[in-house]
Amino acid sequence: MIDLLIIPLSFFITILILLKSDGLISCILDHPVFQYLGKISFSIYLNHAIIITVFPRVIYGFLDVKYTNISSYLVMCFTIFIIIIYSDITYRLIEKKFGKYLKTIFW
């Protein structure tokens, strides 16, 4: 029962400390790359599962790439790149436009 209180409380305190500090982690998180990833994070969340499922199968199955340590590392890096590009596209073309549409309906 005490874990149900300690874990969320420690998470809250950690986030609060990071938000109110000017330390290294805060400076890193203020970098434009991380701000961009935060902006498209919901699209990444929605898209990552299908790309992680489909893309390696296409590379190893359809293109018949031999599975090695190096190829798996390259496929992983390229998969992350594809997830970010695809999520940016869906963010701009679907998420933002649908948000504007909903604002015209409800406001």
N, C-alpha and C. Protein backbone atom coordinates (compact mmCIF):
# COMPACT_ATOMS: atom_id res chain seq x y z
N MET A 1 0.82 -1.20 0.00
CA MET A 1 0.00 0.00 0.00
C MET A 1 0.86 1.26 0.00
N ILE A 2 1.97 1.19 0.70
CA ILE A 2 2.83 2.38 0.78
C ILE A 2 3.49 2.66 -0.57
N ASP A 3 3.71 1.62 -1.39
CA ASP A 3 4.28 1.81 -2.73
C ASP A 3 3.37 2.66 -3.61
N LEU A 4 2.07 2.54 -3.40
CA LEU A 4 1.13 3.32 -4.20
C LEU A 4 1.26 4.81 -3.92
N LEU A 5 1.81 5.17 -2.80
CA LEU A 5 2.01 6.57 -2.46
C LEU A 5 3.42 7.04 -2.75
N ILE A 6 4.41 6.21 -2.48
CA ILE A 6 5.81 6.62 -2.61
C ILE A 6 6.22 6.80 -4.07
N ILE A 7 5.85 5.89 -4.94
CA ILE A 7 6.28 5.96 -6.34
C ILE A 7 5.73 7.21 -7.04
N PRO A 8 4.43 7.50 -6.99
CA PRO A 8 3.96 8.74 -7.64
C PRO A 8 4.52 10.00 -6.98
N LEU A 9 4.70 9.97 -5.67
CA LEU A 9 5.24 11.13 -4.98
C LEU A 9 6.69 11.39 -5.37
N SER A 10 7.49 10.33 -5.46
CA SER A 10 8.89 10.51 -5.87
C SER A 10 8.98 10.96 -7.33
N PHE A 11 8.11 10.46 -8.18
CA PHE A 11 8.07 10.90 -9.57
C PHE A 11 7.71 12.39 -9.64
N PHE A 12 6.72 12.80 -8.87
CA PHE A 12 6.30 14.19 -8.83
C PHE A 12 7.44 15.09 -8.35
N ILE A 13 8.12 14.70 -7.31
CA ILE A 13 9.23 15.51 -6.78
C ILE A 13 10.37 15.61 -7.80
N THR A 14 10.67 14.50 -8.48
CA THR A 14 11.72 14.52 -9.49
C THR A 14 11.37 15.48 -10.63
N ILE A 15 10.15 15.43 -11.12
CA ILE A 15 9.71 16.32 -12.19
C ILE A 15 9.73 17.77 -11.72
N LEU A 16 9.30 18.01 -10.51
CA LEU A 16 9.30 19.36 -9.96
C LEU A 16 10.71 19.92 -9.85
N ILE A 17 11.64 19.11 -9.40
CA ILE A 17 13.04 19.55 -9.29
C ILE A 17 13.61 19.86 -10.67
N LEU A 18 13.31 19.01 -11.66
CA LEU A 18 13.82 19.26 -13.02
C LEU A 18 13.22 20.52 -13.63
N LEU A 19 11.97 20.78 -13.33
CA LEU A 19 11.33 21.97 -13.88
C LEU A 19 11.85 23.26 -13.27
N LYS A 20 12.23 23.21 -12.02
CA LYS A 20 12.63 24.41 -11.29
C LYS A 20 14.15 24.60 -11.22
N SER A 21 14.90 23.85 -11.99
CA SER A 21 16.35 23.96 -11.91
C SER A 21 16.92 24.44 -13.23
N ASP A 22 18.15 24.91 -13.17
CA ASP A 22 18.88 25.31 -14.36
C ASP A 22 20.08 24.40 -14.57
N GLY A 23 19.93 23.15 -14.17
CA GLY A 23 21.03 22.20 -14.25
C GLY A 23 21.22 21.65 -15.64
N LEU A 24 22.10 20.68 -15.73
CA LEU A 24 22.46 20.07 -17.01
C LEU A 24 21.27 19.40 -17.68
N ILE A 25 20.48 18.66 -16.91
CA ILE A 25 19.34 17.95 -17.51
C ILE A 25 18.33 18.94 -18.06
N SER A 26 18.07 20.02 -17.33
CA SER A 26 17.14 21.04 -17.81
C SER A 26 17.65 21.71 -19.09
N CYS A 27 18.96 21.96 -19.14
CA CYS A 27 19.54 22.57 -20.34
C CYS A 27 19.44 21.62 -21.54
N ILE A 28 19.66 20.33 -21.29
CA ILE A 28 19.55 19.35 -22.36
C ILE A 28 18.12 19.27 -22.86
N LEU A 29 17.16 19.26 -21.94
CA LEU A 29 15.76 19.16 -22.34
C LEU A 29 15.24 20.43 -23.01
N ASP A 30 15.93 21.55 -22.83
CA ASP A 30 15.56 22.78 -23.52
C ASP A 30 16.11 22.86 -24.93
N HIS A 31 16.91 21.90 -25.34
CA HIS A 31 17.48 21.89 -26.68
C HIS A 31 16.35 21.71 -27.71
N PRO A 32 16.44 22.39 -28.85
CA PRO A 32 15.37 22.33 -29.86
C PRO A 32 15.03 20.91 -30.34
N VAL A 33 16.00 20.01 -30.35
CA VAL A 33 15.72 18.63 -30.79
C VAL A 33 14.74 17.97 -29.83
N PHE A 34 14.97 18.14 -28.55
CA PHE A 34 14.08 17.53 -27.56
C PHE A 34 12.73 18.24 -27.51
N GLN A 35 12.72 19.54 -27.75
CA GLN A 35 11.45 20.27 -27.83
C GLN A 35 10.63 19.77 -29.02
N TYR A 36 11.29 19.53 -30.14
CA TYR A 36 10.63 19.01 -31.34
C TYR A 36 10.07 17.61 -31.07
N LEU A 37 10.87 16.74 -30.45
CA LEU A 37 10.40 15.39 -30.15
C LEU A 37 9.23 15.43 -29.16
N GLY A 38 9.25 16.37 -28.24
CA GLY A 38 8.13 16.52 -27.33
C GLY A 38 6.87 16.98 -28.05
N LYS A 39 7.05 17.83 -29.05
CA LYS A 39 5.91 18.34 -29.82
C LYS A 39 5.23 17.21 -30.59
N ILE A 40 6.02 16.31 -31.16
CA ILE A 40 5.44 15.23 -31.97
C ILE A 40 5.29 13.93 -31.18
N SER A 41 5.46 13.99 -29.87
CA SER A 41 5.50 12.77 -29.06
C SER A 41 4.20 11.97 -29.12
N PHE A 42 3.04 12.64 -29.19
CA PHE A 42 1.80 11.89 -29.28
C PHE A 42 1.71 11.12 -30.59
N SER A 43 2.16 11.74 -31.67
CA SER A 43 2.19 11.03 -32.96
C SER A 43 3.18 9.87 -32.92
N ILE A 44 4.32 10.06 -32.26
CA ILE A 44 5.27 8.95 -32.10
C ILE A 44 4.61 7.81 -31.32
N TYR A 45 3.92 8.17 -30.26
CA TYR A 45 3.23 7.17 -29.45
C TYR A 45 2.21 6.38 -30.28
N LEU A 46 1.48 7.07 -31.13
CA LEU A 46 0.46 6.41 -31.93
C LEU A 46 1.03 5.58 -33.08
N ASN A 47 2.19 5.99 -33.62
CA ASN A 47 2.72 5.35 -34.82
C ASN A 47 3.80 4.31 -34.58
N HIS A 48 4.44 4.33 -33.44
CA HIS A 48 5.65 3.51 -33.28
C HIS A 48 5.39 2.02 -33.38
N ALA A 49 4.30 1.54 -32.85
CA ALA A 49 4.06 0.09 -32.81
C ALA A 49 3.95 -0.51 -34.21
N ILE A 50 3.22 0.15 -35.09
CA ILE A 50 3.05 -0.41 -36.43
C ILE A 50 4.36 -0.37 -37.22
N ILE A 51 5.13 0.70 -37.06
CA ILE A 51 6.39 0.80 -37.80
C ILE A 51 7.40 -0.21 -37.26
N ILE A 52 7.45 -0.37 -35.95
CA ILE A 52 8.37 -1.35 -35.37
C ILE A 52 7.98 -2.76 -35.78
N THR A 53 6.71 -3.00 -35.97
CA THR A 53 6.25 -4.33 -36.39
C THR A 53 6.51 -4.59 -37.87
N VAL A 54 6.24 -3.61 -38.71
CA VAL A 54 6.28 -3.81 -40.15
C VAL A 54 7.68 -3.62 -40.74
N PHE A 55 8.36 -2.55 -40.36
CA PHE A 55 9.60 -2.17 -41.05
C PHE A 55 10.70 -3.23 -40.97
N PRO A 56 11.04 -3.78 -39.80
CA PRO A 56 12.07 -4.83 -39.79
C PRO A 56 11.68 -6.07 -40.59
N ARG A 57 10.39 -6.40 -40.61
CA ARG A 57 9.95 -7.55 -41.41
C ARG A 57 10.17 -7.30 -42.89
N VAL A 58 9.95 -6.07 -43.32
CA VAL A 58 10.18 -5.73 -44.72
C VAL A 58 11.66 -5.82 -45.04
N ILE A 59 12.49 -5.29 -44.16
CA ILE A 59 13.94 -5.30 -44.40
C ILE A 59 14.48 -6.72 -44.43
N TYR A 60 14.14 -7.51 -43.42
CA TYR A 60 14.71 -8.86 -43.32
C TYR A 60 13.99 -9.87 -44.21
N GLY A 61 12.70 -9.68 -44.42
CA GLY A 61 11.94 -10.64 -45.22
C GLY A 61 11.91 -10.31 -46.69
N PHE A 62 11.36 -9.16 -47.02
CA PHE A 62 11.16 -8.78 -48.42
C PHE A 62 12.48 -8.45 -49.11
N LEU A 63 13.34 -7.69 -48.45
CA LEU A 63 14.63 -7.31 -49.05
C LEU A 63 15.71 -8.36 -48.82
N ASP A 64 15.41 -9.35 -48.00
CA ASP A 64 16.30 -10.49 -47.74
C ASP A 64 17.69 -10.07 -47.23
N VAL A 65 17.69 -9.13 -46.28
CA VAL A 65 18.94 -8.71 -45.64
C VAL A 65 19.31 -9.75 -44.59
N LYS A 66 20.55 -10.13 -44.56
CA LYS A 66 21.01 -11.13 -43.60
C LYS A 66 21.02 -10.52 -42.20
N TYR A 67 20.53 -11.26 -41.21
CA TYR A 67 20.43 -10.78 -39.84
C TYR A 67 21.77 -10.95 -39.14
N THR A 68 22.44 -9.82 -38.87
CA THR A 68 23.69 -9.81 -38.11
C THR A 68 23.58 -8.72 -37.05
N ASN A 69 24.58 -8.63 -36.19
CA ASN A 69 24.56 -7.58 -35.18
C ASN A 69 24.58 -6.20 -35.80
N ILE A 70 25.40 -6.04 -36.82
CA ILE A 70 25.50 -4.73 -37.47
C ILE A 70 24.21 -4.40 -38.21
N SER A 71 23.65 -5.36 -38.92
CA SER A 71 22.41 -5.09 -39.65
C SER A 71 21.26 -4.80 -38.69
N SER A 72 21.21 -5.49 -37.57
CA SER A 72 20.13 -5.22 -36.60
C SER A 72 20.27 -3.83 -36.00
N TYR A 73 21.51 -3.39 -35.74
CA TYR A 73 21.73 -2.04 -35.24
C TYR A 73 21.33 -1.00 -36.29
N LEU A 74 21.71 -1.21 -37.54
CA LEU A 74 21.34 -0.28 -38.61
C LEU A 74 19.84 -0.25 -38.84
N VAL A 75 19.20 -1.41 -38.80
CA VAL A 75 17.75 -1.46 -38.97
C VAL A 75 17.06 -0.73 -37.81
N MET A 76 17.57 -0.90 -36.59
CA MET A 76 17.00 -0.21 -35.45
C MET A 76 17.13 1.31 -35.62
N CYS A 77 18.30 1.79 -36.00
CA CYS A 77 18.51 3.23 -36.20
C CYS A 77 17.62 3.76 -37.31
N PHE A 78 17.54 3.03 -38.40
CA PHE A 78 16.71 3.46 -39.52
C PHE A 78 15.23 3.42 -39.15
N THR A 79 14.83 2.45 -38.33
CA THR A 79 13.44 2.37 -37.87
C THR A 79 13.09 3.58 -37.02
N ILE A 80 13.98 3.98 -36.12
CA ILE A 80 13.74 5.17 -35.31
C ILE A 80 13.62 6.40 -36.20
N PHE A 81 14.49 6.49 -37.20
CA PHE A 81 14.43 7.61 -38.15
C PHE A 81 13.08 7.63 -38.89
N ILE A 82 12.63 6.48 -39.34
CA ILE A 82 11.34 6.38 -40.06
C ILE A 82 10.19 6.75 -39.12
N ILE A 83 10.25 6.31 -37.87
CA ILE A 83 9.21 6.65 -36.90
C ILE A 83 9.12 8.17 -36.73
N ILE A 84 10.25 8.83 -36.60
CA ILE A 84 10.25 10.29 -36.41
C ILE A 84 9.73 11.00 -37.65
N ILE A 85 10.17 10.59 -38.83
CA ILE A 85 9.70 11.23 -40.08
C ILE A 85 8.21 11.00 -40.27
N TYR A 86 7.76 9.77 -40.11
CA TYR A 86 6.34 9.45 -40.28
C TYR A 86 5.49 10.18 -39.23
N SER A 87 5.97 10.26 -38.01
CA SER A 87 5.23 10.95 -36.95
C SER A 87 5.17 12.44 -37.21
N ASP A 88 6.23 13.02 -37.77
CA ASP A 88 6.19 14.43 -38.12
C ASP A 88 5.14 14.69 -39.19
N ILE A 89 5.07 13.82 -40.17
CA ILE A 89 4.08 13.96 -41.23
C ILE A 89 2.67 13.84 -40.68
N THR A 90 2.43 12.83 -39.86
CA THR A 90 1.09 12.67 -39.29
C THR A 90 0.76 13.80 -38.32
N TYR A 91 1.76 14.33 -37.63
CA TYR A 91 1.53 15.47 -36.73
C TYR A 91 1.06 16.68 -37.53
N ARG A 92 1.79 17.00 -38.62
CA ARG A 92 1.46 18.18 -39.41
C ARG A 92 0.17 18.01 -40.20
N LEU A 93 -0.03 16.84 -40.82
CA LEU A 93 -1.16 16.67 -41.73
C LEU A 93 -2.45 16.21 -41.05
N ILE A 94 -2.33 15.56 -39.91
CA ILE A 94 -3.54 15.04 -39.25
C ILE A 94 -3.79 15.74 -37.92
N GLU A 95 -2.82 15.65 -37.02
CA GLU A 95 -3.02 16.13 -35.65
C GLU A 95 -3.29 17.64 -35.60
N LYS A 96 -2.46 18.44 -36.27
CA LYS A 96 -2.65 19.89 -36.24
C LYS A 96 -3.91 20.31 -36.99
N LYS A 97 -4.15 19.73 -38.16
CA LYS A 97 -5.33 20.11 -38.94
C LYS A 97 -6.62 19.67 -38.24
N PHE A 98 -6.61 18.48 -37.64
CA PHE A 98 -7.79 18.03 -36.93
C PHE A 98 -8.02 18.89 -35.69
N GLY A 99 -6.94 19.32 -35.04
CA GLY A 99 -7.07 20.22 -33.89
C GLY A 99 -7.69 21.55 -34.29
N LYS A 100 -7.28 22.10 -35.42
CA LYS A 100 -7.87 23.34 -35.92
C LYS A 100 -9.34 23.15 -36.25
N TYR A 101 -9.66 22.01 -36.85
CA TYR A 101 -11.05 21.70 -37.19
C TYR A 101 -11.90 21.61 -35.94
N LEU A 102 -11.39 20.93 -34.91
CA LEU A 102 -12.15 20.82 -33.67
C LEU A 102 -12.34 22.18 -33.00
N LYS A 103 -11.34 23.06 -33.12
CA LYS A 103 -11.48 24.40 -32.54
C LYS A 103 -12.57 25.18 -33.24
N THR A 104 -12.72 25.01 -34.56
CA THR A 104 -13.78 25.73 -35.27
C THR A 104 -15.16 25.20 -34.87
N ILE A 105 -15.24 23.93 -34.52
CA ILE A 105 -16.52 23.35 -34.14
C ILE A 105 -16.91 23.75 -32.72
N PHE A 106 -15.96 23.68 -31.79
CA PHE A 106 -16.28 23.85 -30.38
C PHE A 106 -16.01 25.25 -29.84
N TRP A 107 -15.29 26.11 -30.57
CA TRP A 107 -15.03 27.46 -30.05
C TRP A 107 -15.47 28.48 -31.01
